[in-house]
N, C-alpha and C. Protein backbone atom coordinates (compact mmCIF):
# COMPACT_ATOMS: atom_id res chain seq x y z
N ASP A 1 0.14 15.50 8.13
CA ASP A 1 1.24 16.12 8.86
C ASP A 1 0.76 16.84 10.12
N MET A 2 -0.53 17.19 10.13
CA MET A 2 -1.09 17.90 11.29
C MET A 2 -1.46 16.94 12.42
N GLY A 3 -1.35 15.64 12.18
CA GLY A 3 -1.67 14.68 13.23
C GLY A 3 -3.15 14.39 13.38
N ILE A 4 -3.95 14.81 12.41
CA ILE A 4 -5.39 14.53 12.46
C ILE A 4 -5.62 13.18 11.79
N VAL A 5 -5.78 12.17 12.61
CA VAL A 5 -5.84 10.79 12.12
C VAL A 5 -7.06 10.12 12.73
N PRO A 6 -7.90 9.48 11.90
CA PRO A 6 -9.06 8.78 12.47
C PRO A 6 -8.62 7.61 13.34
N GLY A 7 -9.41 7.32 14.37
CA GLY A 7 -9.09 6.23 15.27
C GLY A 7 -8.95 4.90 14.57
N GLY A 8 -9.69 4.72 13.46
CA GLY A 8 -9.61 3.47 12.72
C GLY A 8 -8.23 3.22 12.16
N ALA A 9 -7.49 4.26 11.86
CA ALA A 9 -6.13 4.09 11.34
C ALA A 9 -5.23 3.45 12.40
N HIS A 10 -5.38 3.89 13.63
CA HIS A 10 -4.58 3.30 14.71
C HIS A 10 -4.98 1.84 14.94
N ARG A 11 -6.30 1.57 14.87
CA ARG A 11 -6.76 0.19 15.04
C ARG A 11 -6.25 -0.69 13.90
N ASN A 12 -6.26 -0.17 12.67
CA ASN A 12 -5.74 -0.94 11.53
C ASN A 12 -4.28 -1.30 11.74
N ARG A 13 -3.49 -0.32 12.16
CA ARG A 13 -2.06 -0.57 12.36
C ARG A 13 -1.83 -1.57 13.49
N CYS A 14 -2.61 -1.47 14.56
CA CYS A 14 -2.49 -2.43 15.66
C CYS A 14 -2.90 -3.82 15.19
N TYR A 15 -3.94 -3.91 14.39
CA TYR A 15 -4.41 -5.20 13.89
C TYR A 15 -3.33 -5.89 13.06
N LEU A 16 -2.63 -5.11 12.23
CA LEU A 16 -1.58 -5.68 11.39
C LEU A 16 -0.36 -6.07 12.20
N GLY A 17 -0.15 -5.40 13.31
CA GLY A 17 0.95 -5.76 14.22
C GLY A 17 2.27 -5.96 13.51
N ASP A 18 2.88 -7.11 13.72
CA ASP A 18 4.20 -7.37 13.16
C ASP A 18 4.15 -7.90 11.73
N ARG A 19 2.96 -7.87 11.11
CA ARG A 19 2.85 -8.32 9.72
C ARG A 19 3.12 -7.19 8.72
N ILE A 20 3.39 -6.00 9.24
CA ILE A 20 3.73 -4.87 8.36
C ILE A 20 4.90 -4.11 8.97
N GLY A 21 5.76 -3.62 8.10
CA GLY A 21 6.89 -2.81 8.56
C GLY A 21 7.06 -1.63 7.63
N PHE A 22 7.69 -0.60 8.11
CA PHE A 22 7.93 0.61 7.33
C PHE A 22 9.42 0.93 7.34
N GLY A 23 9.96 1.24 6.17
CA GLY A 23 11.35 1.63 6.07
C GLY A 23 11.57 3.00 6.68
N GLU A 24 12.83 3.33 6.91
CA GLU A 24 13.18 4.60 7.54
C GLU A 24 12.68 5.81 6.75
N GLY A 25 12.58 5.66 5.42
CA GLY A 25 12.17 6.79 4.58
C GLY A 25 10.68 7.01 4.52
N VAL A 26 9.89 6.17 5.18
CA VAL A 26 8.43 6.30 5.16
C VAL A 26 8.00 7.13 6.36
N SER A 27 7.53 8.34 6.09
CA SER A 27 7.16 9.26 7.16
C SER A 27 5.96 8.74 7.94
N LEU A 28 5.79 9.25 9.15
CA LEU A 28 4.64 8.89 9.97
C LEU A 28 3.35 9.29 9.25
N ALA A 29 3.36 10.43 8.58
CA ALA A 29 2.17 10.88 7.85
C ALA A 29 1.80 9.87 6.76
N MET A 30 2.79 9.33 6.03
CA MET A 30 2.51 8.34 5.00
C MET A 30 2.03 7.04 5.62
N GLN A 31 2.60 6.65 6.75
CA GLN A 31 2.13 5.45 7.45
C GLN A 31 0.67 5.62 7.85
N ASP A 32 0.32 6.81 8.31
CA ASP A 32 -1.07 7.09 8.67
C ASP A 32 -1.99 6.99 7.45
N ILE A 33 -1.56 7.52 6.32
CA ILE A 33 -2.37 7.46 5.10
C ILE A 33 -2.58 6.01 4.68
N LEU A 34 -1.52 5.21 4.75
CA LEU A 34 -1.62 3.81 4.34
C LEU A 34 -2.48 2.99 5.30
N SER A 35 -2.66 3.45 6.52
CA SER A 35 -3.47 2.75 7.51
C SER A 35 -4.88 3.31 7.61
N ASP A 36 -5.15 4.42 6.94
CA ASP A 36 -6.42 5.13 7.05
C ASP A 36 -7.57 4.28 6.51
N PRO A 37 -8.60 4.02 7.32
CA PRO A 37 -9.72 3.20 6.87
C PRO A 37 -10.53 3.88 5.77
N GLN A 38 -10.39 5.17 5.62
CA GLN A 38 -11.14 5.89 4.59
C GLN A 38 -10.56 5.66 3.20
N THR A 39 -9.36 5.08 3.11
CA THR A 39 -8.73 4.83 1.81
C THR A 39 -8.56 3.35 1.54
N SER A 40 -9.34 2.51 2.20
CA SER A 40 -9.16 1.06 2.09
C SER A 40 -10.05 0.43 1.02
N GLY A 41 -10.22 1.07 -0.10
CA GLY A 41 -11.12 0.54 -1.12
C GLY A 41 -10.44 0.15 -2.40
N GLY A 42 -9.72 -0.96 -2.40
CA GLY A 42 -9.14 -1.44 -3.64
C GLY A 42 -7.97 -0.64 -4.16
N LEU A 43 -7.16 -0.11 -3.29
CA LEU A 43 -6.02 0.69 -3.72
C LEU A 43 -4.87 -0.15 -4.24
N LEU A 44 -4.74 -1.36 -3.73
CA LEU A 44 -3.61 -2.21 -4.11
C LEU A 44 -4.10 -3.45 -4.84
N LEU A 45 -3.31 -3.85 -5.81
CA LEU A 45 -3.62 -5.03 -6.60
C LEU A 45 -2.32 -5.76 -6.86
N ALA A 46 -2.27 -7.04 -6.60
CA ALA A 46 -1.06 -7.82 -6.81
C ALA A 46 -1.20 -8.64 -8.09
N LEU A 47 -0.28 -8.43 -9.02
CA LEU A 47 -0.28 -9.13 -10.30
C LEU A 47 1.13 -9.54 -10.66
N GLY A 48 1.24 -10.56 -11.51
CA GLY A 48 2.54 -10.91 -12.06
C GLY A 48 3.03 -9.78 -12.96
N GLU A 49 4.33 -9.73 -13.22
CA GLU A 49 4.89 -8.61 -13.98
C GLU A 49 4.22 -8.41 -15.34
N ARG A 50 4.09 -9.48 -16.12
CA ARG A 50 3.47 -9.34 -17.45
C ARG A 50 2.02 -8.89 -17.34
N ASP A 51 1.30 -9.45 -16.38
CA ASP A 51 -0.09 -9.06 -16.18
C ASP A 51 -0.20 -7.60 -15.75
N ALA A 52 0.74 -7.16 -14.92
CA ALA A 52 0.73 -5.77 -14.45
C ALA A 52 0.92 -4.81 -15.62
N GLU A 53 1.83 -5.13 -16.52
CA GLU A 53 2.06 -4.26 -17.69
C GLU A 53 0.80 -4.17 -18.54
N LYS A 54 0.15 -5.30 -18.76
CA LYS A 54 -1.09 -5.33 -19.55
C LYS A 54 -2.19 -4.54 -18.83
N TYR A 55 -2.31 -4.72 -17.55
CA TYR A 55 -3.32 -4.03 -16.75
C TYR A 55 -3.12 -2.52 -16.83
N LEU A 56 -1.87 -2.06 -16.71
CA LEU A 56 -1.59 -0.63 -16.80
C LEU A 56 -1.94 -0.08 -18.18
N ARG A 57 -1.65 -0.84 -19.23
CA ARG A 57 -2.02 -0.41 -20.59
C ARG A 57 -3.54 -0.28 -20.70
N ASN A 58 -4.27 -1.26 -20.16
CA ASN A 58 -5.73 -1.22 -20.20
C ASN A 58 -6.27 -0.01 -19.43
N LEU A 59 -5.68 0.27 -18.28
CA LEU A 59 -6.08 1.45 -17.53
C LEU A 59 -5.86 2.72 -18.35
N ASN A 60 -4.67 2.82 -18.95
CA ASN A 60 -4.36 3.98 -19.78
C ASN A 60 -5.36 4.13 -20.91
N ASP A 61 -5.68 3.01 -21.58
CA ASP A 61 -6.64 3.04 -22.69
C ASP A 61 -8.01 3.53 -22.23
N ALA A 62 -8.35 3.28 -20.97
CA ALA A 62 -9.63 3.70 -20.42
C ALA A 62 -9.56 5.12 -19.84
N GLY A 63 -8.40 5.79 -19.99
CA GLY A 63 -8.25 7.14 -19.47
C GLY A 63 -7.98 7.19 -17.98
N LEU A 64 -7.57 6.07 -17.41
CA LEU A 64 -7.26 5.99 -15.98
C LEU A 64 -5.76 5.85 -15.79
N GLU A 65 -5.34 5.92 -14.55
CA GLU A 65 -3.91 5.86 -14.27
C GLU A 65 -3.62 4.86 -13.15
N GLY A 66 -2.53 4.17 -13.27
CA GLY A 66 -2.06 3.27 -12.24
C GLY A 66 -0.55 3.24 -12.27
N VAL A 67 0.05 2.81 -11.20
CA VAL A 67 1.51 2.71 -11.14
C VAL A 67 1.91 1.45 -10.40
N VAL A 68 3.05 0.92 -10.75
CA VAL A 68 3.64 -0.19 -10.02
C VAL A 68 4.35 0.41 -8.82
N ILE A 69 4.04 -0.08 -7.63
CA ILE A 69 4.62 0.51 -6.43
C ILE A 69 5.58 -0.41 -5.69
N GLY A 70 5.73 -1.63 -6.17
CA GLY A 70 6.63 -2.52 -5.46
C GLY A 70 6.72 -3.88 -6.13
N THR A 71 7.43 -4.75 -5.48
CA THR A 71 7.59 -6.11 -5.96
C THR A 71 7.42 -7.08 -4.79
N VAL A 72 7.08 -8.30 -5.12
CA VAL A 72 6.95 -9.33 -4.11
C VAL A 72 8.28 -10.07 -4.03
N THR A 73 8.76 -10.24 -2.82
CA THR A 73 10.01 -10.99 -2.61
C THR A 73 9.76 -12.06 -1.55
N ASP A 74 10.71 -12.91 -1.38
CA ASP A 74 10.60 -13.92 -0.33
C ASP A 74 11.53 -13.61 0.85
N ARG A 75 11.94 -12.35 0.94
CA ARG A 75 12.89 -12.00 2.00
C ARG A 75 12.30 -12.11 3.40
N ILE A 76 11.05 -11.68 3.57
CA ILE A 76 10.41 -11.75 4.87
C ILE A 76 9.03 -12.37 4.68
N PRO A 77 8.94 -13.70 4.65
CA PRO A 77 7.65 -14.35 4.42
C PRO A 77 6.60 -13.91 5.43
N GLY A 78 5.39 -13.63 4.93
CA GLY A 78 4.28 -13.27 5.80
C GLY A 78 4.29 -11.83 6.27
N LYS A 79 5.17 -11.01 5.71
CA LYS A 79 5.25 -9.62 6.16
C LYS A 79 5.31 -8.68 4.96
N VAL A 80 4.58 -7.58 5.06
CA VAL A 80 4.63 -6.52 4.05
C VAL A 80 5.55 -5.44 4.59
N VAL A 81 6.52 -5.03 3.78
CA VAL A 81 7.44 -3.97 4.18
C VAL A 81 7.30 -2.84 3.17
N VAL A 82 6.92 -1.67 3.64
CA VAL A 82 6.77 -0.48 2.80
C VAL A 82 8.07 0.30 2.87
N LEU A 83 8.68 0.51 1.70
CA LEU A 83 9.97 1.20 1.67
C LEU A 83 9.87 2.58 1.09
């Protein structure tokens, strides 16, 4: 929120260009966090629904935590939209 953003975050967002979009409810601070190169280490994993449920159970059993944050749709092929 203070606007302290590494230059790599801006480069990441420029690199993605029109392949990523943000909904109106996604603050600039959250967009910066999602583009931050310091957090780009395996944060997202795409799995089918059944596999995701099993994966989350396995994480829980290991004392770790994960959450489902979205779904894959065919509404905008080739584009990720964060809502």
